[in-house]
Amino acid sequence: MQGVIKSYDPGTGDGVLIDETDLREIDLAENALEGSLFRMLRQGQRVNFELDDAGRATSLMIGSEADMETPDLSEYDL
């Protein structure tokens, strides 16, 4: 699933994102950033996420973190 961060408090870890599919607001789970390379979120930031059993966003992946493969540069003259 994909969404956009609406709000995030780095002190408490509380936050809300907007699901791009149906524009509903989804609260972030306490462990939403666990295992992520990032520790902060900013308003308007696009994220990929999953829902936990309580319907909260978890397993956030941000930007290139979702795909960290080396780009194919073979078509360029380097």
N, C-alpha and C. Protein backbone atom coordinates (compact mmCIF):
# COMPACT_ATOMS: atom_id res chain seq x y z
N MET A 1 0.85 -1.17 0.00
CA MET A 1 0.00 0.00 0.00
C MET A 1 0.90 1.24 0.00
N GLN A 2 0.36 2.33 -0.47
CA GLN A 2 1.14 3.55 -0.54
C GLN A 2 0.34 4.71 0.02
N GLY A 3 1.03 5.65 0.66
CA GLY A 3 0.36 6.80 1.23
C GLY A 3 1.32 7.96 1.41
N VAL A 4 0.80 9.02 2.04
CA VAL A 4 1.56 10.25 2.28
C VAL A 4 1.43 10.59 3.76
N ILE A 5 2.55 10.96 4.37
CA ILE A 5 2.54 11.34 5.78
C ILE A 5 1.78 12.64 5.97
N LYS A 6 0.78 12.62 6.85
CA LYS A 6 0.02 13.82 7.18
C LYS A 6 0.66 14.54 8.35
N SER A 7 1.04 13.75 9.38
CA SER A 7 1.69 14.33 10.56
C SER A 7 2.54 13.27 11.23
N TYR A 8 3.58 13.74 11.94
CA TYR A 8 4.46 12.83 12.67
C TYR A 8 5.14 13.59 13.79
N ASP A 9 5.11 13.02 15.00
CA ASP A 9 5.79 13.59 16.16
C ASP A 9 6.97 12.68 16.50
N PRO A 10 8.21 13.13 16.22
CA PRO A 10 9.37 12.27 16.46
C PRO A 10 9.58 11.96 17.95
N GLY A 11 9.07 12.80 18.83
CA GLY A 11 9.23 12.56 20.26
C GLY A 11 8.40 11.39 20.75
N THR A 12 7.19 11.28 20.26
CA THR A 12 6.29 10.22 20.71
C THR A 12 6.17 9.08 19.70
N GLY A 13 6.52 9.35 18.45
CA GLY A 13 6.35 8.35 17.39
C GLY A 13 4.93 8.31 16.86
N ASP A 14 4.05 9.18 17.38
CA ASP A 14 2.67 9.23 16.89
C ASP A 14 2.62 9.89 15.52
N GLY A 15 1.77 9.37 14.67
CA GLY A 15 1.63 9.96 13.35
C GLY A 15 0.42 9.43 12.62
N VAL A 16 0.12 10.11 11.52
CA VAL A 16 -1.02 9.76 10.68
C VAL A 16 -0.57 9.86 9.24
N LEU A 17 -1.04 8.91 8.41
CA LEU A 17 -0.80 9.02 6.98
C LEU A 17 -2.12 8.94 6.25
N ILE A 18 -2.11 9.39 5.00
CA ILE A 18 -3.28 9.34 4.14
C ILE A 18 -3.05 8.24 3.11
N ASP A 19 -3.95 7.26 3.07
CA ASP A 19 -3.89 6.18 2.10
C ASP A 19 -4.22 6.74 0.73
N GLU A 20 -3.34 6.54 -0.26
CA GLU A 20 -3.57 7.10 -1.59
C GLU A 20 -4.72 6.44 -2.32
N THR A 21 -5.09 5.23 -1.93
CA THR A 21 -6.17 4.52 -2.62
C THR A 21 -7.53 5.14 -2.34
N ASP A 22 -7.84 5.37 -1.06
CA ASP A 22 -9.17 5.87 -0.72
C ASP A 22 -9.14 7.15 0.13
N LEU A 23 -7.96 7.73 0.31
CA LEU A 23 -7.77 8.99 1.03
C LEU A 23 -8.18 8.95 2.50
N ARG A 24 -8.24 7.75 3.08
CA ARG A 24 -8.57 7.66 4.50
C ARG A 24 -7.32 7.89 5.35
N GLU A 25 -7.54 8.38 6.56
CA GLU A 25 -6.45 8.60 7.49
C GLU A 25 -6.17 7.31 8.26
N ILE A 26 -4.89 6.96 8.38
CA ILE A 26 -4.49 5.75 9.08
C ILE A 26 -3.42 6.13 10.11
N ASP A 27 -3.63 5.73 11.35
CA ASP A 27 -2.65 5.97 12.41
C ASP A 27 -1.43 5.08 12.20
N LEU A 28 -0.28 5.58 12.61
CA LEU A 28 0.94 4.77 12.56
C LEU A 28 1.00 3.85 13.77
N ALA A 29 1.41 2.62 13.56
CA ALA A 29 1.62 1.69 14.66
C ALA A 29 2.86 2.12 15.43
N GLU A 30 2.97 1.68 16.69
CA GLU A 30 4.12 2.04 17.52
C GLU A 30 5.44 1.62 16.87
N ASN A 31 5.44 0.52 16.16
CA ASN A 31 6.66 -0.01 15.55
C ASN A 31 6.75 0.30 14.06
N ALA A 32 6.08 1.34 13.60
CA ALA A 32 5.99 1.64 12.17
C ALA A 32 7.35 1.79 11.50
N LEU A 33 8.34 2.32 12.21
CA LEU A 33 9.66 2.54 11.62
C LEU A 33 10.66 1.45 11.97
N GLU A 34 10.23 0.43 12.72
CA GLU A 34 11.12 -0.64 13.12
C GLU A 34 11.65 -1.36 11.88
N GLY A 35 12.98 -1.50 11.81
CA GLY A 35 13.61 -2.15 10.67
C GLY A 35 13.86 -1.21 9.50
N SER A 36 13.41 0.03 9.60
CA SER A 36 13.60 1.00 8.54
C SER A 36 14.96 1.68 8.70
N LEU A 37 15.50 2.17 7.61
CA LEU A 37 16.75 2.93 7.67
C LEU A 37 16.52 4.33 8.24
N PHE A 38 15.28 4.77 8.23
CA PHE A 38 14.96 6.13 8.64
C PHE A 38 14.33 6.17 10.02
N ARG A 39 14.59 7.23 10.76
CA ARG A 39 14.04 7.41 12.09
C ARG A 39 13.08 8.60 12.16
N MET A 40 12.98 9.35 11.09
CA MET A 40 12.13 10.54 11.05
C MET A 40 11.24 10.47 9.82
N LEU A 41 10.09 11.10 9.93
CA LEU A 41 9.19 11.26 8.80
C LEU A 41 8.85 12.73 8.69
N ARG A 42 8.58 13.18 7.49
CA ARG A 42 8.19 14.58 7.32
C ARG A 42 6.84 14.65 6.61
N GLN A 43 6.11 15.70 6.88
CA GLN A 43 4.80 15.88 6.28
C GLN A 43 4.94 15.90 4.77
N GLY A 44 4.07 15.17 4.07
CA GLY A 44 4.09 15.12 2.61
C GLY A 44 4.98 14.03 2.04
N GLN A 45 5.70 13.32 2.91
CA GLN A 45 6.61 12.28 2.45
C GLN A 45 5.81 11.05 2.00
N ARG A 46 6.15 10.51 0.84
CA ARG A 46 5.48 9.34 0.29
C ARG A 46 6.09 8.09 0.90
N VAL A 47 5.25 7.15 1.34
CA VAL A 47 5.72 5.93 1.98
C VAL A 47 4.94 4.72 1.46
N ASN A 48 5.58 3.57 1.52
CA ASN A 48 4.91 2.29 1.32
C ASN A 48 4.71 1.70 2.70
N PHE A 49 3.60 0.98 2.92
CA PHE A 49 3.32 0.46 4.25
C PHE A 49 2.42 -0.77 4.16
N GLU A 50 2.31 -1.45 5.29
CA GLU A 50 1.38 -2.56 5.46
C GLU A 50 0.47 -2.20 6.63
N LEU A 51 -0.64 -2.92 6.77
CA LEU A 51 -1.53 -2.71 7.91
C LEU A 51 -1.35 -3.84 8.90
N ASP A 52 -1.33 -3.50 10.21
CA ASP A 52 -1.28 -4.54 11.23
C ASP A 52 -2.71 -5.01 11.52
N ASP A 53 -2.86 -5.90 12.46
CA ASP A 53 -4.18 -6.48 12.78
C ASP A 53 -5.17 -5.44 13.30
N ALA A 54 -4.66 -4.34 13.84
CA ALA A 54 -5.52 -3.28 14.36
C ALA A 54 -5.83 -2.21 13.31
N GLY A 55 -5.33 -2.40 12.08
CA GLY A 55 -5.59 -1.44 11.02
C GLY A 55 -4.68 -0.22 11.03
N ARG A 56 -3.54 -0.32 11.75
CA ARG A 56 -2.57 0.78 11.80
C ARG A 56 -1.44 0.51 10.81
N ALA A 57 -0.84 1.58 10.30
CA ALA A 57 0.25 1.47 9.33
C ALA A 57 1.52 0.98 10.02
N THR A 58 2.17 0.00 9.42
CA THR A 58 3.41 -0.55 9.95
C THR A 58 4.33 -0.92 8.79
N SER A 59 5.55 -1.30 9.11
CA SER A 59 6.54 -1.71 8.09
C SER A 59 6.74 -0.64 7.02
N LEU A 60 6.90 0.62 7.45
CA LEU A 60 7.07 1.71 6.50
C LEU A 60 8.39 1.59 5.75
N MET A 61 8.32 1.83 4.48
CA MET A 61 9.52 1.88 3.62
C MET A 61 9.43 3.20 2.88
N ILE A 62 10.53 3.89 2.85
CA ILE A 62 10.52 5.26 2.35
C ILE A 62 11.45 5.41 1.15
N GLY A 63 10.95 6.05 0.10
CA GLY A 63 11.78 6.36 -1.05
C GLY A 63 12.51 5.16 -1.61
N SER A 64 13.82 5.30 -1.84
CA SER A 64 14.61 4.25 -2.46
C SER A 64 14.85 3.07 -1.54
N GLU A 65 14.45 3.17 -0.28
CA GLU A 65 14.62 2.06 0.63
C GLU A 65 13.85 0.83 0.15
N ALA A 66 12.76 1.04 -0.57
CA ALA A 66 11.96 -0.08 -1.07
C ALA A 66 12.71 -0.87 -2.14
N ASP A 67 13.61 -0.24 -2.85
CA ASP A 67 14.37 -0.92 -3.89
C ASP A 67 15.78 -0.37 -3.88
N MET A 68 16.69 -1.06 -3.23
CA MET A 68 18.05 -0.56 -3.11
C MET A 68 19.02 -1.29 -4.03
N GLU A 69 18.50 -1.85 -5.12
CA GLU A 69 19.37 -2.52 -6.07
C GLU A 69 20.25 -1.51 -6.78
N THR A 70 21.40 -1.96 -7.27
CA THR A 70 22.28 -1.10 -8.04
C THR A 70 21.66 -0.84 -9.40
N PRO A 71 21.59 0.42 -9.82
CA PRO A 71 20.99 0.70 -11.13
C PRO A 71 21.84 0.13 -12.27
N ASP A 72 21.19 -0.24 -13.36
CA ASP A 72 21.88 -0.75 -14.53
C ASP A 72 22.44 0.43 -15.32
N LEU A 73 23.74 0.58 -15.32
CA LEU A 73 24.39 1.70 -16.00
C LEU A 73 25.03 1.27 -17.32
N SER A 74 24.74 0.08 -17.79
CA SER A 74 25.40 -0.45 -18.99
C SER A 74 25.12 0.37 -20.23
N GLU A 75 24.00 1.08 -20.28
CA GLU A 75 23.68 1.86 -21.48
C GLU A 75 24.43 3.19 -21.53
N TYR A 76 25.15 3.53 -20.46
CA TYR A 76 25.87 4.79 -20.41
C TYR A 76 27.35 4.57 -20.68
N ASP A 77 27.99 5.53 -21.33
CA ASP A 77 29.43 5.50 -21.59
C ASP A 77 30.17 6.05 -20.39
N LEU A 78 30.60 5.19 -19.50
CA LEU A 78 31.30 5.65 -18.29
C LEU A 78 32.76 5.36 -18.38
